[in-house]
Amino acid sequence: AAGLKVIAPRLRAALGEALVACGATAEGEAQLRRALGEVEGLGNMPTIGEICAAQARATGCREDPDRVFAPVLKWMGEEPALLLRLEHLLCSARWAESRGWPDRARAFYEAAQALLKRIREDLGPADQEALSVHPWTLEIRRGLG
């Protein structure tokens, strides 16, 4: 039963992200808020981070990434949460682009590229090849292109 306290909100966040992608923005954002509310008191920072990342992807450039990731920013600085840091950097780059700050966006993309390189070093050849066509990689190429 304890596992459901973490699994259900993760699934709710995925549902919320999908609803937003399908155009049901209000319903999707409500699901994302509910998912976050369900886990905030549990202290499970990886799950909270996963839900924050889903919210950031769903809201695109409409919200400041530091506000979206606020529940986990301090934790991200203390732990090796590399994938979550990458999500935050990419969201920050999109936010800067949407605000007309190209130099700032480029700095975020460069930081994301360096972090992705670090992540790639720990992967086997097959996973490295898969990462070369991952949406993160493609977004970084576009942002730096």
Protein backbone atom coordinates (compact mmCIF):
# COMPACT_ATOMS: atom_id res chain seq x y z
CA ALA A 1 0.00 0.00 0.00
CA ALA A 2 2.90 2.36 0.70
CA GLY A 3 4.11 2.01 -2.88
CA LEU A 4 0.74 3.17 -4.17
CA LYS A 5 1.23 6.48 -2.38
CA VAL A 6 4.09 7.12 -4.82
CA ILE A 7 2.94 5.23 -7.93
CA ALA A 8 -0.55 6.74 -8.14
CA PRO A 9 0.68 10.37 -8.17
CA ARG A 10 3.34 9.51 -10.78
CA LEU A 11 0.62 8.03 -13.00
CA ARG A 12 -1.61 11.04 -12.33
CA ALA A 13 1.23 13.36 -13.41
CA ALA A 14 1.69 11.37 -16.63
CA LEU A 15 -2.06 11.63 -17.24
CA GLY A 16 -1.95 15.37 -16.58
CA GLU A 17 0.93 15.84 -19.02
CA ALA A 18 -0.91 13.81 -21.67
CA LEU A 19 -4.14 15.76 -21.17
CA VAL A 20 -2.32 19.05 -21.65
CA ALA A 21 -0.67 17.68 -24.80
CA CYS A 22 -4.11 16.70 -26.13
CA GLY A 23 -5.53 20.16 -25.51
CA ALA A 24 -7.36 19.54 -22.23
CA THR A 25 -5.14 22.10 -20.52
CA ALA A 26 -7.27 22.95 -17.48
CA GLU A 27 -7.99 19.31 -16.65
CA GLY A 28 -4.37 18.29 -17.21
CA GLU A 29 -2.97 21.07 -15.06
CA ALA A 30 -5.46 20.14 -12.32
CA GLN A 31 -4.20 16.54 -12.42
CA LEU A 32 -0.60 17.76 -12.19
CA ARG A 33 -1.38 19.96 -9.18
CA ARG A 34 -3.22 17.08 -7.52
CA ALA A 35 -0.31 14.70 -8.15
CA LEU A 36 2.14 17.13 -6.58
CA GLY A 37 -0.15 17.68 -3.60
CA GLU A 38 -0.35 13.94 -3.03
CA VAL A 39 3.43 13.52 -2.70
CA GLU A 40 4.69 16.76 -1.19
CA GLY A 41 4.18 15.54 2.36
CA LEU A 42 5.86 12.18 1.73
CA GLY A 43 9.36 13.60 1.31
CA ASN A 44 10.08 11.35 -1.68
CA MET A 45 12.18 13.88 -3.56
CA PRO A 46 12.79 11.80 -6.73
CA THR A 47 9.03 11.40 -7.19
CA ILE A 48 8.36 15.06 -6.44
CA GLY A 49 11.06 15.91 -8.99
CA GLU A 50 9.51 13.62 -11.59
CA ILE A 51 6.15 15.34 -11.12
CA CYS A 52 7.77 18.79 -11.32
CA ALA A 53 9.44 17.78 -14.60
CA ALA A 54 6.10 16.56 -15.98
CA GLN A 55 4.54 19.86 -15.01
CA ALA A 56 7.40 21.78 -16.64
CA ARG A 57 7.02 19.84 -19.89
CA ALA A 58 3.26 20.30 -19.84
CA THR A 59 3.28 24.03 -19.12
CA GLY A 60 6.02 24.69 -21.66
CA CYS A 61 7.15 28.28 -21.50
CA ARG A 62 4.15 29.61 -19.59
CA GLU A 63 5.71 29.29 -16.13
CA ASP A 64 9.08 30.18 -14.64
CA PRO A 65 11.04 26.92 -14.28
CA ASP A 66 12.41 27.96 -10.89
CA ARG A 67 8.82 28.21 -9.66
CA VAL A 68 7.84 24.86 -11.20
CA PHE A 69 10.90 23.09 -9.76
CA ALA A 70 10.82 25.02 -6.45
CA PRO A 71 9.93 21.95 -4.33
CA VAL A 72 13.15 20.18 -5.44
CA LEU A 73 15.66 22.94 -6.32
CA LYS A 74 17.60 22.69 -3.05
CA TRP A 75 17.60 18.90 -3.20
CA MET A 76 18.78 18.95 -6.83
CA GLY A 77 21.79 20.98 -5.76
CA GLU A 78 22.73 18.45 -3.08
CA GLU A 79 22.06 15.16 -4.86
CA PRO A 80 23.28 13.67 -8.14
CA ALA A 81 19.85 14.04 -9.76
CA LEU A 82 21.35 14.42 -13.23
CA LEU A 83 18.26 13.73 -15.33
CA LEU A 84 16.16 16.09 -13.25
CA ARG A 85 18.86 18.77 -13.56
CA LEU A 86 18.80 18.24 -17.32
CA GLU A 87 15.02 18.69 -17.40
CA HIS A 88 15.40 21.92 -15.38
CA LEU A 89 18.11 23.26 -17.71
CA LEU A 90 16.04 22.54 -20.82
CA CYS A 91 12.95 24.11 -19.29
CA SER A 92 15.04 27.15 -18.33
CA ALA A 93 16.35 27.41 -21.89
CA ARG A 94 12.81 27.28 -23.33
CA TRP A 95 11.70 29.89 -20.79
CA ALA A 96 14.57 32.21 -21.75
CA GLU A 97 13.78 31.76 -25.46
CA SER A 98 10.14 32.60 -24.87
CA ARG A 99 11.18 35.78 -23.06
CA GLY A 100 13.47 36.90 -25.89
CA TRP A 101 16.72 36.26 -24.01
CA PRO A 102 18.81 34.36 -26.60
CA ASP A 103 22.14 34.66 -24.76
CA ARG A 104 20.65 33.30 -21.58
CA ALA A 105 18.90 30.49 -23.49
CA ARG A 106 22.18 29.55 -25.18
CA ALA A 107 23.93 29.38 -21.80
CA PHE A 108 21.27 26.98 -20.53
CA TYR A 109 21.57 24.83 -23.68
CA GLU A 110 25.36 24.75 -23.32
CA ALA A 111 25.04 23.67 -19.69
CA ALA A 112 22.51 21.01 -20.75
CA GLN A 113 24.90 19.78 -23.45
CA ALA A 114 27.74 19.46 -20.92
CA LEU A 115 25.49 17.58 -18.49
CA LEU A 116 24.24 15.28 -21.25
CA LYS A 117 27.85 14.51 -22.16
CA ARG A 118 28.51 13.60 -18.54
CA ILE A 119 25.45 11.33 -18.48
CA ARG A 120 26.45 9.74 -21.79
CA GLU A 121 29.88 8.76 -20.42
CA ASP A 122 28.25 6.35 -17.96
CA LEU A 123 26.21 4.55 -20.64
CA GLY A 124 26.99 1.52 -22.75
CA PRO A 125 27.28 1.78 -26.54
CA ALA A 126 23.65 0.87 -27.26
CA ASP A 127 22.32 3.41 -24.76
CA GLN A 128 24.71 6.07 -26.09
CA GLU A 129 23.34 5.48 -29.57
CA ALA A 130 19.76 5.72 -28.31
CA LEU A 131 20.60 8.94 -26.49
CA SER A 132 21.86 10.44 -29.75
CA VAL A 133 18.24 10.58 -31.02
CA HIS A 134 16.55 11.25 -27.68
CA PRO A 135 14.32 14.36 -27.52
CA TRP A 136 16.78 15.95 -25.03
CA THR A 137 19.62 15.66 -27.54
CA LEU A 138 17.48 16.93 -30.39
CA GLU A 139 16.31 19.92 -28.35
CA ILE A 140 19.89 20.81 -27.37
CA ARG A 141 21.00 20.61 -31.02
CA ARG A 142 18.12 22.84 -32.06
CA GLY A 143 18.87 25.32 -29.29
CA LEU A 144 22.54 25.52 -30.16
CA GLY A 145 22.04 25.32 -33.93
